[in-house]
Amino acid sequence: MQGAFKYQGLTLWWALFIFVLCSIKMGGVSESPMFFAGFDKLVHCGLFFVLTVMLCSGMLRNNGKHNLSIKQAFVSFILAEAFGGFIEILQKYMFTWRSGDWADLFADTVGVGMGMFSVQVTLWAFNYEKK
């Protein structure tokens, strides 16, 4: 089991950063004139994009190969998505100053999908270049 987490240190720190950001009381950020409508969704998407890329990067480094198996890609997607769902459940039922939102979970899913897509395209380009 330790081998699976060997290169995931930065990913775990990023996940903790996401958890802290999603659990603290933000005040009136949504009403602030500095931010536009949907800014929160953009942040969710970006945070989970980076989480997914880091997760896949750690798996690739652990492999020693420049290829993710279907199983590894699926596990990466499910782990990142489950983490987003876990945060939304906590926001709905434990963090009373926050609200769990389906739209936030959708933004998380879009970020995870974008991260998986970018990793796969980068791997394809890298492997294509080697041929």
C-alpha atoms as a PDB file:
ATOM      1  CA  MET A   1       0.000   0.000   0.000  1.00  0.00           C
ATOM      2  CA  GLN A   2       2.875   2.355   0.726  1.00  0.00           C
ATOM      3  CA  GLY A   3       4.042   1.963  -2.880  1.00  0.00           C
ATOM      4  CA  ALA A   4       0.733   3.344  -4.127  1.00  0.00           C
ATOM      5  CA  PHE A   5       1.266   6.579  -2.162  1.00  0.00           C
ATOM      6  CA  LYS A   6       4.996   6.892  -2.844  1.00  0.00           C
ATOM      7  CA  TYR A   7       4.615   9.773  -5.315  1.00  0.00           C
ATOM      8  CA  GLN A   8       1.321  11.181  -4.049  1.00  0.00           C
ATOM      9  CA  GLY A   9       2.679  13.516  -1.365  1.00  0.00           C
ATOM     10  CA  LEU A  10       2.018  16.703  -3.321  1.00  0.00           C
ATOM     11  CA  THR A  11      -1.400  15.368  -4.314  1.00  0.00           C
ATOM     12  CA  LEU A  12      -2.311  14.790  -0.670  1.00  0.00           C
ATOM     13  CA  TRP A  13      -1.191  18.315   0.237  1.00  0.00           C
ATOM     14  CA  TRP A  14      -3.305  19.699  -2.625  1.00  0.00           C
ATOM     15  CA  ALA A  15      -6.299  17.651  -1.438  1.00  0.00           C
ATOM     16  CA  LEU A  16      -5.825  19.076   2.061  1.00  0.00           C
ATOM     17  CA  PHE A  17      -5.687  22.582   0.572  1.00  0.00           C
ATOM     18  CA  ILE A  18      -8.971  21.931  -1.272  1.00  0.00           C
ATOM     19  CA  PHE A  19     -10.528  20.532   1.887  1.00  0.00           C
ATOM     20  CA  VAL A  20      -9.531  23.583   3.930  1.00  0.00           C
ATOM     21  CA  LEU A  21     -10.761  26.002   1.255  1.00  0.00           C
ATOM     22  CA  CYS A  22     -14.092  24.200   1.016  1.00  0.00           C
ATOM     23  CA  SER A  23     -14.597  24.009   4.771  1.00  0.00           C
ATOM     24  CA  ILE A  24     -13.818  27.536   5.939  1.00  0.00           C
ATOM     25  CA  LYS A  25     -16.388  30.279   6.218  1.00  0.00           C
ATOM     26  CA  MET A  26     -15.911  32.571   3.234  1.00  0.00           C
ATOM     27  CA  GLY A  27     -18.197  35.401   4.260  1.00  0.00           C
ATOM     28  CA  GLY A  28     -19.820  37.394   1.481  1.00  0.00           C
ATOM     29  CA  VAL A  29     -17.552  36.345  -1.360  1.00  0.00           C
ATOM     30  CA  SER A  30     -20.473  35.700  -3.701  1.00  0.00           C
ATOM     31  CA  GLU A  31     -21.782  39.234  -3.172  1.00  0.00           C
ATOM     32  CA  SER A  32     -18.393  40.889  -3.610  1.00  0.00           C
ATOM     33  CA  PRO A  33     -17.999  43.100  -6.685  1.00  0.00           C
ATOM     34  CA  MET A  34     -14.506  41.641  -7.228  1.00  0.00           C
ATOM     35  CA  PHE A  35     -15.960  38.308  -8.358  1.00  0.00           C
ATOM     36  CA  PHE A  36     -18.337  37.500 -11.201  1.00  0.00           C
ATOM     37  CA  ALA A  37     -21.302  35.149 -11.207  1.00  0.00           C
ATOM     38  CA  GLY A  38     -20.047  31.589 -11.460  1.00  0.00           C
ATOM     39  CA  PHE A  39     -16.604  32.368 -10.060  1.00  0.00           C
ATOM     40  CA  ASP A  40     -17.114  29.677  -7.422  1.00  0.00           C
ATOM     41  CA  LYS A  41     -17.778  27.057 -10.113  1.00  0.00           C
ATOM     42  CA  LEU A  42     -14.662  28.115 -12.013  1.00  0.00           C
ATOM     43  CA  VAL A  43     -12.599  27.707  -8.835  1.00  0.00           C
ATOM     44  CA  HIS A  44     -14.056  24.228  -8.199  1.00  0.00           C
ATOM     45  CA  CYS A  45     -13.264  23.223 -11.777  1.00  0.00           C
ATOM     46  CA  GLY A  46      -9.688  24.506 -11.530  1.00  0.00           C
ATOM     47  CA  LEU A  47      -8.988  22.937  -8.161  1.00  0.00           C
ATOM     48  CA  PHE A  48     -10.157  19.506  -9.292  1.00  0.00           C
ATOM     49  CA  PHE A  49      -8.360  19.826 -12.631  1.00  0.00           C
ATOM     50  CA  VAL A  50      -5.081  20.275 -10.756  1.00  0.00           C
ATOM     51  CA  LEU A  51      -5.953  17.477  -8.305  1.00  0.00           C
ATOM     52  CA  THR A  52      -6.568  15.041 -11.161  1.00  0.00           C
ATOM     53  CA  VAL A  53      -3.383  15.963 -13.017  1.00  0.00           C
ATOM     54  CA  MET A  54      -1.357  15.547  -9.818  1.00  0.00           C
ATOM     55  CA  LEU A  55      -3.005  12.224  -9.042  1.00  0.00           C
ATOM     56  CA  CYS A  56      -2.281  10.898 -12.533  1.00  0.00           C
ATOM     57  CA  SER A  57       1.260  12.258 -12.407  1.00  0.00           C
ATOM     58  CA  GLY A  58       1.917  10.359  -9.196  1.00  0.00           C
ATOM     59  CA  MET A  59       0.537   7.179 -10.741  1.00  0.00           C
ATOM     60  CA  LEU A  60       2.725   7.645 -13.809  1.00  0.00           C
ATOM     61  CA  ARG A  61       5.829   8.158 -11.681  1.00  0.00           C
ATOM     62  CA  ASN A  62       4.942   5.080  -9.666  1.00  0.00           C
ATOM     63  CA  ASN A  63       4.559   3.076 -12.926  1.00  0.00           C
ATOM     64  CA  GLY A  64       7.853   4.123 -14.353  1.00  0.00           C
ATOM     65  CA  LYS A  65       6.089   4.071 -17.742  1.00  0.00           C
ATOM     66  CA  HIS A  66       4.581   6.809 -19.850  1.00  0.00           C
ATOM     67  CA  ASN A  67       1.164   5.242 -19.983  1.00  0.00           C
ATOM     68  CA  LEU A  68      -1.870   4.999 -17.726  1.00  0.00           C
ATOM     69  CA  SER A  69      -3.833   1.790 -17.853  1.00  0.00           C
ATOM     70  CA  ILE A  70      -7.610   1.950 -18.152  1.00  0.00           C
ATOM     71  CA  LYS A  71      -7.828   0.787 -14.543  1.00  0.00           C
ATOM     72  CA  GLN A  72      -5.510   3.563 -13.332  1.00  0.00           C
ATOM     73  CA  ALA A  73      -7.406   6.212 -15.296  1.00  0.00           C
ATOM     74  CA  PHE A  74     -10.700   4.914 -13.900  1.00  0.00           C
ATOM     75  CA  VAL A  75      -9.340   4.832 -10.328  1.00  0.00           C
ATOM     76  CA  SER A  76      -7.995   8.385 -10.709  1.00  0.00           C
ATOM     77  CA  PHE A  77     -11.348   9.624 -11.968  1.00  0.00           C
ATOM     78  CA  ILE A  78     -13.318   7.865  -9.220  1.00  0.00           C
ATOM     79  CA  LEU A  79     -10.961   8.991  -6.423  1.00  0.00           C
ATOM     80  CA  ALA A  80     -11.072  12.643  -7.475  1.00  0.00           C
ATOM     81  CA  GLU A  81     -14.833  12.532  -7.997  1.00  0.00           C
ATOM     82  CA  ALA A  82     -15.453  10.767  -4.676  1.00  0.00           C
ATOM     83  CA  PHE A  83     -13.372  13.403  -2.920  1.00  0.00           C
ATOM     84  CA  GLY A  84     -15.521  16.131  -4.483  1.00  0.00           C
ATOM     85  CA  GLY A  85     -18.695  14.309  -3.447  1.00  0.00           C
ATOM     86  CA  PHE A  86     -17.350  13.832   0.074  1.00  0.00           C
ATOM     87  CA  ILE A  87     -16.678  17.556   0.382  1.00  0.00           C
ATOM     88  CA  GLU A  88     -20.169  18.439  -0.856  1.00  0.00           C
ATOM     89  CA  ILE A  89     -21.750  16.007   1.642  1.00  0.00           C
ATOM     90  CA  LEU A  90     -19.686  17.537   4.446  1.00  0.00           C
ATOM     91  CA  GLN A  91     -20.717  21.032   3.355  1.00  0.00           C
ATOM     92  CA  LYS A  92     -24.378  20.056   3.374  1.00  0.00           C
ATOM     93  CA  TYR A  93     -24.498  18.176   6.681  1.00  0.00           C
ATOM     94  CA  MET A  94     -21.488  19.171   8.829  1.00  0.00           C
ATOM     95  CA  PHE A  95     -20.305  22.640   7.837  1.00  0.00           C
ATOM     96  CA  THR A  96     -23.499  24.552   8.519  1.00  0.00           C
ATOM     97  CA  TRP A  97     -21.954  27.808   7.268  1.00  0.00           C
ATOM     98  CA  ARG A  98     -21.490  26.208   3.820  1.00  0.00           C
ATOM     99  CA  SER A  99     -24.039  24.590   1.525  1.00  0.00           C
ATOM    100  CA  GLY A 100     -23.581  21.413  -0.473  1.00  0.00           C
ATOM    101  CA  ASP A 101     -24.466  22.092  -4.068  1.00  0.00           C
ATOM    102  CA  TRP A 102     -25.046  19.817  -7.076  1.00  0.00           C
ATOM    103  CA  ALA A 103     -23.653  22.547  -9.327  1.00  0.00           C
ATOM    104  CA  ASP A 104     -20.377  22.490  -7.360  1.00  0.00           C
ATOM    105  CA  LEU A 105     -20.188  18.714  -7.780  1.00  0.00           C
ATOM    106  CA  PHE A 106     -20.821  19.146 -11.502  1.00  0.00           C
ATOM    107  CA  ALA A 107     -18.009  21.731 -11.673  1.00  0.00           C
ATOM    108  CA  ASP A 108     -15.759  19.259  -9.843  1.00  0.00           C
ATOM    109  CA  THR A 109     -16.686  16.602 -12.406  1.00  0.00           C
ATOM    110  CA  VAL A 110     -15.902  18.938 -15.297  1.00  0.00           C
ATOM    111  CA  GLY A 111     -12.504  19.720 -13.731  1.00  0.00           C
ATOM    112  CA  VAL A 112     -11.758  16.014 -13.249  1.00  0.00           C
ATOM    113  CA  GLY A 113     -12.775  15.281 -16.837  1.00  0.00           C
ATOM    114  CA  MET A 114     -10.625  18.115 -18.154  1.00  0.00           C
ATOM    115  CA  GLY A 115      -7.689  16.852 -16.090  1.00  0.00           C
ATOM    116  CA  MET A 116      -8.084  13.293 -17.369  1.00  0.00           C
ATOM    117  CA  PHE A 117      -8.385  14.551 -20.943  1.00  0.00           C
ATOM    118  CA  SER A 118      -5.271  16.706 -20.668  1.00  0.00           C
ATOM    119  CA  VAL A 119      -3.250  13.855 -19.157  1.00  0.00           C
ATOM    120  CA  GLN A 120      -4.357  11.452 -21.896  1.00  0.00           C
ATOM    121  CA  VAL A 121      -3.608  13.946 -24.684  1.00  0.00           C
ATOM    122  CA  THR A 122      -0.195  14.705 -23.203  1.00  0.00           C
ATOM    123  CA  LEU A 123       0.610  10.993 -22.880  1.00  0.00           C
ATOM    124  CA  TRP A 124      -0.545  10.364 -26.435  1.00  0.00           C
ATOM    125  CA  ALA A 125       1.634  13.207 -27.731  1.00  0.00           C
ATOM    126  CA  PHE A 126       4.629  11.975 -25.730  1.00  0.00           C
ATOM    127  CA  ASN A 127       4.230   8.384 -26.937  1.00  0.00           C
ATOM    128  CA  TYR A 128       3.584   9.519 -30.526  1.00  0.00           C
ATOM    129  CA  GLU A 129       6.758  11.597 -30.472  1.00  0.00           C
ATOM    130  CA  LYS A 130       8.810   8.600 -29.293  1.00  0.00           C
ATOM    131  CA  LYS A 131       7.769   6.491 -32.336  1.00  0.00           C
END
